[in-house]
C-alpha cells in the first residue's frame, strides 16, 4: 500500500520529494504498476511522461500496464508520446496493447502517433504477428512516413518468424 502514497508525493512542489518518490516506485517494481498507471491520467504532461518512463525502467515485469500507455501516442503531447513509445518497446508484446496499437494504425489522425505505433509493433518482432493486417492497412494511408514505418514493421515481424 506504499505505492499510492508515493504517487501522491509525485504531485509535491518539492522536487527532491518527487524524485525520491519516483525512485521508490521503480524500486517497488511490478507491485507499483497500478499506482503508476494513475499518473497517466494527470494533467501535467511531465508527470505522464515520467510515469511512462517509470514503467520502462521497471521493464517487462510492468507489461500489464502496456495498454494504458497506448492513448499517450494520440495525446498530442510530444514528451508523453515519446516516453510511451519507449516504454511500450521495453515492456514487450502485450495482446491488449497490440490490439490498441492496431486501432491507432487504422484510425488515428496523429501522424507521429501512427508512426510510433508501427515502430513499436516492429520492435516486437514475431510477437506482433496479429497486427500484420493493421500494418497492411496502414500502408494505404496518405502519408509516406506512415507507409514507410508500416512497411519496416511488417518486414521486422516477418523476419522474426
N, C-alpha and C. Protein backbone atom coordinates (compact mmCIF):
# COMPACT_ATOMS: atom_id res chain seq x y z
N UNK A 1 0.81 -1.20 0.00
CA UNK A 1 0.00 0.00 0.00
C UNK A 1 0.85 1.26 0.00
N UNK A 2 2.15 1.09 -0.09
CA UNK A 2 3.06 2.24 -0.11
C UNK A 2 2.99 2.99 -1.43
N UNK A 3 2.80 2.26 -2.54
CA UNK A 3 2.84 2.86 -3.86
C UNK A 3 1.85 4.02 -4.03
N UNK A 4 0.58 3.89 -3.61
CA UNK A 4 -0.34 5.03 -3.77
C UNK A 4 0.13 6.28 -3.02
N UNK A 5 0.73 6.09 -1.87
CA UNK A 5 1.26 7.23 -1.11
C UNK A 5 2.39 7.89 -1.90
N UNK A 6 3.25 7.07 -2.48
CA UNK A 6 4.37 7.60 -3.27
C UNK A 6 3.86 8.35 -4.49
N UNK A 7 2.80 7.85 -5.11
CA UNK A 7 2.23 8.56 -6.26
C UNK A 7 1.70 9.92 -5.82
N UNK A 8 1.09 9.98 -4.67
CA UNK A 8 0.61 11.26 -4.14
C UNK A 8 1.78 12.22 -3.96
N UNK A 9 2.89 11.72 -3.48
CA UNK A 9 4.08 12.56 -3.28
C UNK A 9 4.65 13.06 -4.61
N UNK A 10 4.37 12.35 -5.70
CA UNK A 10 4.84 12.77 -7.03
C UNK A 10 4.22 14.11 -7.42
N UNK A 11 3.12 14.47 -6.80
CA UNK A 11 2.47 15.75 -7.07
C UNK A 11 2.99 16.89 -6.22
N UNK A 12 3.97 16.63 -5.40
CA UNK A 12 4.52 17.63 -4.49
C UNK A 12 5.24 18.75 -5.26
N UNK A 13 5.27 19.92 -4.66
CA UNK A 13 6.04 21.04 -5.22
C UNK A 13 7.53 20.86 -4.97
N UNK A 14 7.87 20.01 -4.01
CA UNK A 14 9.27 19.76 -3.64
C UNK A 14 9.89 18.78 -4.63
N UNK A 15 10.83 19.27 -5.42
CA UNK A 15 11.45 18.45 -6.45
C UNK A 15 12.16 17.24 -5.84
N UNK A 16 12.83 17.40 -4.73
CA UNK A 16 13.54 16.29 -4.09
C UNK A 16 12.56 15.19 -3.67
N UNK A 17 11.45 15.58 -3.11
CA UNK A 17 10.44 14.62 -2.69
C UNK A 17 9.86 13.87 -3.90
N UNK A 18 9.60 14.61 -4.98
CA UNK A 18 9.10 13.98 -6.20
C UNK A 18 10.11 12.97 -6.74
N UNK A 19 11.37 13.35 -6.74
CA UNK A 19 12.42 12.48 -7.25
C UNK A 19 12.58 11.21 -6.39
N UNK A 20 12.52 11.37 -5.08
CA UNK A 20 12.63 10.22 -4.19
C UNK A 20 11.43 9.27 -4.39
N UNK A 21 10.25 9.83 -4.56
CA UNK A 21 9.07 9.02 -4.80
C UNK A 21 9.20 8.26 -6.12
N UNK A 22 9.72 8.93 -7.13
CA UNK A 22 9.96 8.31 -8.45
C UNK A 22 10.86 7.09 -8.29
N UNK A 23 12.00 7.28 -7.64
CA UNK A 23 12.96 6.18 -7.45
C UNK A 23 12.36 5.05 -6.62
N UNK A 24 11.60 5.39 -5.59
CA UNK A 24 10.99 4.37 -4.73
C UNK A 24 9.97 3.54 -5.50
N UNK A 25 9.18 4.18 -6.35
CA UNK A 25 8.19 3.44 -7.14
C UNK A 25 8.89 2.45 -8.07
N UNK A 26 9.98 2.85 -8.67
CA UNK A 26 10.72 1.94 -9.54
C UNK A 26 11.28 0.79 -8.72
N UNK A 27 11.77 1.10 -7.55
CA UNK A 27 12.33 0.06 -6.67
C UNK A 27 11.26 -0.95 -6.25
N UNK A 28 10.05 -0.50 -6.02
CA UNK A 28 8.95 -1.41 -5.67
C UNK A 28 8.71 -2.38 -6.82
N UNK A 29 8.82 -1.89 -8.04
CA UNK A 29 8.69 -2.77 -9.20
C UNK A 29 7.25 -3.04 -9.61
N UNK A 30 6.97 -4.28 -10.05
CA UNK A 30 5.66 -4.60 -10.60
C UNK A 30 4.49 -4.30 -9.66
N UNK A 31 4.70 -4.39 -8.37
CA UNK A 31 3.62 -4.10 -7.43
C UNK A 31 3.19 -2.63 -7.46
N UNK A 32 4.05 -1.77 -8.00
CA UNK A 32 3.74 -0.34 -8.09
C UNK A 32 3.01 0.02 -9.37
N UNK A 33 2.92 -0.91 -10.31
CA UNK A 33 2.34 -0.60 -11.63
C UNK A 33 0.94 0.00 -11.52
N UNK A 34 0.00 -0.58 -10.76
CA UNK A 34 -1.34 0.04 -10.71
C UNK A 34 -1.30 1.49 -10.22
N UNK A 35 -0.47 1.79 -9.26
CA UNK A 35 -0.36 3.16 -8.77
C UNK A 35 0.28 4.07 -9.83
N UNK A 36 1.29 3.58 -10.51
CA UNK A 36 1.95 4.37 -11.55
C UNK A 36 0.97 4.69 -12.67
N UNK A 37 0.11 3.74 -13.00
CA UNK A 37 -0.86 3.95 -14.08
C UNK A 37 -1.79 5.13 -13.79
N UNK A 38 -2.04 5.42 -12.52
CA UNK A 38 -2.89 6.57 -12.20
C UNK A 38 -2.22 7.87 -12.63
N UNK A 39 -0.91 7.87 -12.72
CA UNK A 39 -0.16 9.05 -13.15
C UNK A 39 -0.39 9.37 -14.63
N UNK A 40 -0.81 8.38 -15.40
CA UNK A 40 -1.04 8.60 -16.83
C UNK A 40 -2.27 9.47 -17.08
N UNK A 41 -3.10 9.64 -16.06
CA UNK A 41 -4.33 10.43 -16.21
C UNK A 41 -4.20 11.86 -15.69
N UNK A 42 -3.08 12.21 -15.10
CA UNK A 42 -2.94 13.57 -14.57
C UNK A 42 -2.79 14.57 -15.71
N UNK A 43 -3.06 15.82 -15.44
CA UNK A 43 -2.98 16.84 -16.49
C UNK A 43 -1.56 17.27 -16.80
N UNK A 44 -0.66 17.10 -15.87
CA UNK A 44 0.73 17.52 -16.04
C UNK A 44 1.43 16.60 -17.04
N UNK A 45 1.80 17.11 -18.22
CA UNK A 45 2.42 16.26 -19.24
C UNK A 45 3.77 15.67 -18.78
N UNK A 46 4.48 16.40 -17.97
CA UNK A 46 5.76 15.89 -17.48
C UNK A 46 5.56 14.66 -16.59
N UNK A 47 4.55 14.71 -15.74
CA UNK A 47 4.27 13.56 -14.87
C UNK A 47 3.79 12.36 -15.67
N UNK A 48 3.00 12.60 -16.73
CA UNK A 48 2.58 11.48 -17.59
C UNK A 48 3.79 10.84 -18.25
N UNK A 49 4.68 11.67 -18.77
CA UNK A 49 5.89 11.15 -19.40
C UNK A 49 6.75 10.40 -18.39
N UNK A 50 6.87 10.93 -17.19
CA UNK A 50 7.66 10.26 -16.15
C UNK A 50 7.03 8.94 -15.75
N UNK A 51 5.71 8.86 -15.73
CA UNK A 51 5.04 7.60 -15.42
C UNK A 51 5.39 6.55 -16.47
N UNK A 52 5.36 6.95 -17.73
CA UNK A 52 5.74 6.02 -18.80
C UNK A 52 7.19 5.57 -18.63
N UNK A 53 8.05 6.51 -18.28
CA UNK A 53 9.46 6.18 -18.08
C UNK A 53 9.64 5.25 -16.89
N UNK A 54 8.86 5.45 -15.83
CA UNK A 54 8.94 4.54 -14.68
C UNK A 54 8.59 3.11 -15.11
N UNK A 55 7.54 2.97 -15.90
CA UNK A 55 7.15 1.64 -16.37
C UNK A 55 8.27 1.03 -17.20
N UNK A 56 8.89 1.83 -18.05
CA UNK A 56 10.00 1.34 -18.87
C UNK A 56 11.16 0.88 -17.99
N UNK A 57 11.43 1.64 -16.95
CA UNK A 57 12.54 1.28 -16.06
C UNK A 57 12.24 0.02 -15.26
N UNK A 58 10.98 -0.24 -14.96
CA UNK A 58 10.63 -1.50 -14.31
C UNK A 58 10.83 -2.63 -15.31
N UNK A 59 10.55 -2.36 -16.57
CA UNK A 59 10.81 -3.32 -17.63
C UNK A 59 9.67 -4.30 -17.87
N UNK A 60 9.98 -5.44 -18.47
CA UNK A 60 8.94 -6.41 -18.84
C UNK A 60 8.04 -6.84 -17.68
N UNK A 61 8.50 -6.71 -16.45
CA UNK A 61 7.64 -7.04 -15.31
C UNK A 61 6.45 -6.07 -15.19
N UNK A 62 6.50 -4.95 -15.90
CA UNK A 62 5.41 -3.97 -15.90
C UNK A 62 4.53 -4.10 -17.14
N UNK A 63 4.67 -5.20 -17.86
CA UNK A 63 3.96 -5.41 -19.12
C UNK A 63 2.45 -5.25 -18.99
N UNK A 64 1.88 -5.57 -17.85
CA UNK A 64 0.43 -5.44 -17.67
C UNK A 64 -0.04 -4.00 -17.84
N UNK A 65 0.85 -3.05 -17.66
CA UNK A 65 0.50 -1.65 -17.82
C UNK A 65 0.58 -1.14 -19.24
N UNK A 66 1.06 -1.96 -20.16
CA UNK A 66 1.26 -1.52 -21.55
C UNK A 66 0.01 -0.93 -22.22
N UNK A 67 -1.16 -1.56 -22.10
CA UNK A 67 -2.33 -0.99 -22.78
C UNK A 67 -2.65 0.45 -22.37
N UNK A 68 -2.36 0.80 -21.14
CA UNK A 68 -2.66 2.16 -20.66
C UNK A 68 -1.73 3.20 -21.28
N UNK A 69 -0.63 2.76 -21.86
CA UNK A 69 0.31 3.70 -22.48
C UNK A 69 -0.11 4.10 -23.89
N UNK A 70 -0.85 3.26 -24.57
CA UNK A 70 -1.20 3.50 -25.97
C UNK A 70 -1.90 4.84 -26.19
N UNK A 71 -2.86 5.25 -25.34
CA UNK A 71 -3.51 6.55 -25.58
C UNK A 71 -2.54 7.74 -25.59
N UNK A 72 -1.40 7.61 -24.94
CA UNK A 72 -0.44 8.71 -24.95
C UNK A 72 0.11 8.96 -26.35
N UNK A 73 0.07 7.94 -27.21
CA UNK A 73 0.54 8.11 -28.59
C UNK A 73 -0.35 9.08 -29.36
N UNK A 74 -1.56 9.28 -28.87
CA UNK A 74 -2.51 10.17 -29.54
C UNK A 74 -2.81 11.41 -28.70
N UNK A 75 -2.01 11.64 -27.70
CA UNK A 75 -2.29 12.73 -26.77
C UNK A 75 -1.98 14.12 -27.31
N UNK A 76 -1.17 14.18 -28.35
CA UNK A 76 -0.74 15.48 -28.85
C UNK A 76 0.41 16.06 -28.04
N UNK A 77 0.79 15.38 -27.00
CA UNK A 77 1.90 15.81 -26.14
C UNK A 77 3.14 15.02 -26.55
N UNK A 78 4.06 15.70 -27.20
CA UNK A 78 5.23 15.03 -27.76
C UNK A 78 6.04 14.31 -26.69
N UNK A 79 6.25 14.93 -25.55
CA UNK A 79 7.05 14.33 -24.49
C UNK A 79 6.42 13.02 -23.99
N UNK A 80 5.11 13.04 -23.76
CA UNK A 80 4.41 11.84 -23.30
C UNK A 80 4.41 10.77 -24.39
N UNK A 81 4.24 11.19 -25.65
CA UNK A 81 4.24 10.24 -26.76
C UNK A 81 5.59 9.54 -26.87
N UNK A 82 6.65 10.30 -26.79
CA UNK A 82 8.00 9.74 -26.89
C UNK A 82 8.27 8.77 -25.74
N UNK A 83 7.90 9.16 -24.53
CA UNK A 83 8.11 8.30 -23.36
C UNK A 83 7.27 7.03 -23.46
N UNK A 84 6.03 7.16 -23.90
CA UNK A 84 5.15 5.99 -24.05
C UNK A 84 5.70 5.04 -25.10
N UNK A 85 6.19 5.60 -26.20
CA UNK A 85 6.76 4.77 -27.25
C UNK A 85 7.94 3.95 -26.73
N UNK A 86 8.84 4.61 -26.03
CA UNK A 86 9.99 3.91 -25.46
C UNK A 86 9.57 2.86 -24.46
N UNK A 87 8.58 3.19 -23.64
CA UNK A 87 8.11 2.24 -22.63
C UNK A 87 7.47 1.03 -23.28
N UNK A 88 6.62 1.26 -24.27
CA UNK A 88 5.96 0.14 -24.94
C UNK A 88 6.99 -0.79 -25.58
N UNK A 89 8.04 -0.23 -26.13
CA UNK A 89 9.09 -1.08 -26.72
C UNK A 89 9.79 -1.90 -25.64
N UNK A 90 10.08 -1.29 -24.51
CA UNK A 90 10.82 -2.01 -23.47
C UNK A 90 9.96 -3.01 -22.71
N UNK A 91 8.64 -2.78 -22.65
CA UNK A 91 7.76 -3.69 -21.94
C UNK A 91 7.50 -4.98 -22.72
N UNK A 92 7.65 -4.91 -24.03
CA UNK A 92 7.44 -6.09 -24.87
C UNK A 92 5.98 -6.29 -25.22
N UNK A 93 5.71 -7.29 -26.04
CA UNK A 93 4.36 -7.51 -26.55
C UNK A 93 3.34 -7.79 -25.44
N UNK A 94 2.19 -7.19 -25.59
CA UNK A 94 1.05 -7.39 -24.70
C UNK A 94 -0.17 -7.47 -25.62
N UNK A 95 -0.94 -8.55 -25.57
CA UNK A 95 -2.05 -8.71 -26.52
C UNK A 95 -3.01 -7.52 -26.56
N UNK A 96 -3.36 -6.97 -25.42
CA UNK A 96 -4.28 -5.82 -25.40
C UNK A 96 -3.62 -4.59 -26.01
N UNK A 97 -2.34 -4.38 -25.74
CA UNK A 97 -1.64 -3.24 -26.31
C UNK A 97 -1.50 -3.39 -27.82
N UNK A 98 -1.24 -4.61 -28.28
CA UNK A 98 -1.13 -4.84 -29.73
C UNK A 98 -2.45 -4.51 -30.41
N UNK A 99 -3.54 -4.91 -29.80
CA UNK A 99 -4.86 -4.59 -30.36
C UNK A 99 -5.08 -3.08 -30.39
N UNK A 100 -4.72 -2.40 -29.31
CA UNK A 100 -4.88 -0.94 -29.25
C UNK A 100 -3.96 -0.23 -30.25
N UNK A 101 -2.75 -0.75 -30.41
CA UNK A 101 -1.83 -0.17 -31.40
C UNK A 101 -2.38 -0.35 -32.81
N UNK A 102 -3.01 -1.48 -33.06
CA UNK A 102 -3.65 -1.70 -34.37
C UNK A 102 -4.74 -0.68 -34.63
N UNK A 103 -5.49 -0.35 -33.61
CA UNK A 103 -6.54 0.67 -33.75
C UNK A 103 -5.92 2.03 -34.06
N UNK A 104 -4.80 2.35 -33.42
CA UNK A 104 -4.09 3.61 -33.72
C UNK A 104 -3.68 3.61 -35.19
N UNK A 105 -3.15 2.49 -35.66
CA UNK A 105 -2.73 2.40 -37.07
C UNK A 105 -3.89 2.67 -38.02
N UNK A 106 -5.05 2.17 -37.69
CA UNK A 106 -6.21 2.29 -38.58
C UNK A 106 -6.94 3.61 -38.46
N UNK A 107 -6.98 4.19 -37.23
CA UNK A 107 -7.92 5.28 -37.01
C UNK A 107 -7.33 6.62 -36.59
N UNK A 108 -6.13 6.64 -36.09
CA UNK A 108 -5.61 7.88 -35.53
C UNK A 108 -5.31 8.92 -36.62
N UNK A 109 -5.54 10.17 -36.27
CA UNK A 109 -5.19 11.28 -37.16
C UNK A 109 -3.87 11.92 -36.75
N UNK A 110 -3.24 11.39 -35.71
CA UNK A 110 -1.96 11.92 -35.24
C UNK A 110 -0.85 11.14 -35.92
N UNK A 111 -0.27 11.73 -36.96
CA UNK A 111 0.71 11.03 -37.78
C UNK A 111 1.88 10.47 -36.96
N UNK A 112 2.43 11.27 -36.07
CA UNK A 112 3.56 10.80 -35.27
C UNK A 112 3.16 9.61 -34.39
N UNK A 113 1.94 9.62 -33.89
CA UNK A 113 1.45 8.51 -33.09
C UNK A 113 1.30 7.23 -33.91
N UNK A 114 0.84 7.37 -35.14
CA UNK A 114 0.68 6.21 -36.02
C UNK A 114 2.06 5.64 -36.37
N UNK A 115 2.99 6.50 -36.68
CA UNK A 115 4.36 6.05 -36.97
C UNK A 115 4.94 5.34 -35.75
N UNK A 116 4.75 5.91 -34.58
CA UNK A 116 5.26 5.29 -33.35
C UNK A 116 4.62 3.92 -33.15
N UNK A 117 3.31 3.81 -33.39
CA UNK A 117 2.63 2.51 -33.23
C UNK A 117 3.25 1.46 -34.15
N UNK A 118 3.52 1.83 -35.39
CA UNK A 118 4.15 0.89 -36.32
C UNK A 118 5.55 0.51 -35.84
N UNK A 119 6.31 1.48 -35.39
CA UNK A 119 7.67 1.19 -34.91
C UNK A 119 7.65 0.27 -33.69
N UNK A 120 6.72 0.51 -32.79
CA UNK A 120 6.59 -0.33 -31.60
C UNK A 120 6.28 -1.77 -32.02
N UNK A 121 5.30 -1.92 -32.90
CA UNK A 121 4.94 -3.27 -33.34
C UNK A 121 6.12 -3.95 -34.03
N UNK A 122 6.86 -3.22 -34.82
CA UNK A 122 8.05 -3.79 -35.47
C UNK A 122 9.07 -4.25 -34.45
N UNK A 123 9.19 -3.52 -33.35
CA UNK A 123 10.16 -3.90 -32.31
C UNK A 123 9.77 -5.19 -31.61
N UNK A 124 8.49 -5.57 -31.68
CA UNK A 124 8.02 -6.80 -31.05
C UNK A 124 8.34 -8.04 -31.89
N UNK A 125 8.73 -7.84 -33.13
CA UNK A 125 9.03 -8.98 -33.99
C UNK A 125 7.84 -9.91 -34.11
N UNK A 126 8.11 -11.21 -34.00
CA UNK A 126 7.06 -12.22 -34.17
C UNK A 126 5.93 -12.06 -33.14
N UNK A 127 6.20 -11.40 -32.04
CA UNK A 127 5.18 -11.18 -31.02
C UNK A 127 4.04 -10.29 -31.49
N UNK A 128 4.24 -9.59 -32.60
CA UNK A 128 3.20 -8.70 -33.12
C UNK A 128 2.56 -9.25 -34.39
N UNK A 129 2.68 -10.54 -34.60
CA UNK A 129 2.15 -11.16 -35.81
C UNK A 129 0.67 -10.84 -36.05
N UNK A 130 -0.11 -10.77 -34.98
CA UNK A 130 -1.55 -10.49 -35.13
C UNK A 130 -1.82 -9.07 -35.64
N UNK A 131 -0.83 -8.21 -35.62
CA UNK A 131 -1.01 -6.83 -36.08
C UNK A 131 -0.72 -6.67 -37.58
N UNK A 132 -0.32 -7.75 -38.24
CA UNK A 132 0.01 -7.63 -39.66
C UNK A 132 -1.13 -7.05 -40.50
N UNK A 133 -2.39 -7.45 -40.31
CA UNK A 133 -3.47 -6.83 -41.10
C UNK A 133 -3.59 -5.32 -40.86
N UNK A 134 -3.39 -4.89 -39.64
CA UNK A 134 -3.46 -3.46 -39.34
C UNK A 134 -2.29 -2.71 -40.00
N UNK A 135 -1.13 -3.33 -39.98
CA UNK A 135 0.04 -2.71 -40.63
C UNK A 135 -0.17 -2.64 -42.15
N UNK A 136 -0.75 -3.70 -42.72
CA UNK A 136 -1.05 -3.69 -44.16
C UNK A 136 -2.02 -2.55 -44.49
N UNK A 137 -3.01 -2.34 -43.64
CA UNK A 137 -3.96 -1.25 -43.85
C UNK A 137 -3.27 0.10 -43.72
N UNK A 138 -2.32 0.21 -42.81
CA UNK A 138 -1.62 1.48 -42.60
C UNK A 138 -0.79 1.87 -43.82
N UNK A 139 -0.32 0.90 -44.57
CA UNK A 139 0.48 1.18 -45.77
C UNK A 139 -0.33 2.03 -46.75
N UNK A 140 -1.63 1.87 -46.74
CA UNK A 140 -2.51 2.57 -47.68
C UNK A 140 -2.89 3.98 -47.23
N UNK A 141 -2.44 4.37 -46.05
CA UNK A 141 -2.77 5.71 -45.55
C UNK A 141 -2.01 6.75 -46.36
N UNK A 142 -2.50 7.96 -46.34
CA UNK A 142 -1.96 9.03 -47.16
C UNK A 142 -0.79 9.75 -46.46
N UNK A 143 0.27 8.99 -46.19
CA UNK A 143 1.45 9.56 -45.54
C UNK A 143 2.64 8.66 -45.84
N UNK A 144 3.65 9.22 -46.44
CA UNK A 144 4.83 8.40 -46.73
C UNK A 144 5.52 7.96 -45.44
N UNK A 145 5.43 8.77 -44.38
CA UNK A 145 6.05 8.39 -43.11
C UNK A 145 5.36 7.16 -42.52
N UNK A 146 4.05 7.16 -42.56
CA UNK A 146 3.28 6.02 -42.04
C UNK A 146 3.54 4.79 -42.91
N UNK A 147 3.49 4.97 -44.22
CA UNK A 147 3.72 3.85 -45.13
C UNK A 147 5.09 3.23 -44.88
N UNK A 148 6.09 4.06 -44.78
CA UNK A 148 7.45 3.57 -44.56
C UNK A 148 7.58 2.83 -43.23
N UNK A 149 7.02 3.40 -42.16
CA UNK A 149 7.10 2.77 -40.84
C UNK A 149 6.35 1.45 -40.84
N UNK A 150 5.19 1.41 -41.49
CA UNK A 150 4.41 0.17 -41.55
C UNK A 150 5.14 -0.90 -42.34
N UNK A 151 5.73 -0.52 -43.46
CA UNK A 151 6.50 -1.48 -44.26
C UNK A 151 7.69 -2.03 -43.47
N UNK A 152 8.39 -1.16 -42.77
CA UNK A 152 9.52 -1.60 -41.95
C UNK A 152 9.06 -2.56 -40.85
N UNK A 153 7.93 -2.26 -40.24
CA UNK A 153 7.41 -3.12 -39.17
C UNK A 153 7.02 -4.50 -39.71
N UNK A 154 6.37 -4.50 -40.85
CA UNK A 154 5.98 -5.78 -41.47
C UNK A 154 7.22 -6.62 -41.76
N UNK A 155 8.23 -5.97 -42.30
CA UNK A 155 9.48 -6.68 -42.60
C UNK A 155 10.12 -7.24 -41.32
N UNK A 156 10.14 -6.46 -40.26
CA UNK A 156 10.73 -6.91 -38.99
C UNK A 156 9.94 -8.08 -38.41
N UNK A 157 8.63 -8.03 -38.49
CA UNK A 157 7.79 -9.10 -37.95
C UNK A 157 7.99 -10.38 -38.75
N UNK A 158 7.98 -10.26 -40.07
CA UNK A 158 8.15 -11.44 -40.92
C UNK A 158 9.54 -12.04 -40.79
N UNK A 159 10.56 -11.19 -40.62
CA UNK A 159 11.93 -11.68 -40.48
C UNK A 159 12.11 -12.45 -39.17
N UNK A 160 11.33 -12.12 -38.17
CA UNK A 160 11.48 -12.74 -36.84
C UNK A 160 10.69 -14.06 -36.73
N UNK A 161 9.86 -14.36 -37.71
CA UNK A 161 9.04 -15.58 -37.61
C UNK A 161 9.83 -16.82 -37.92
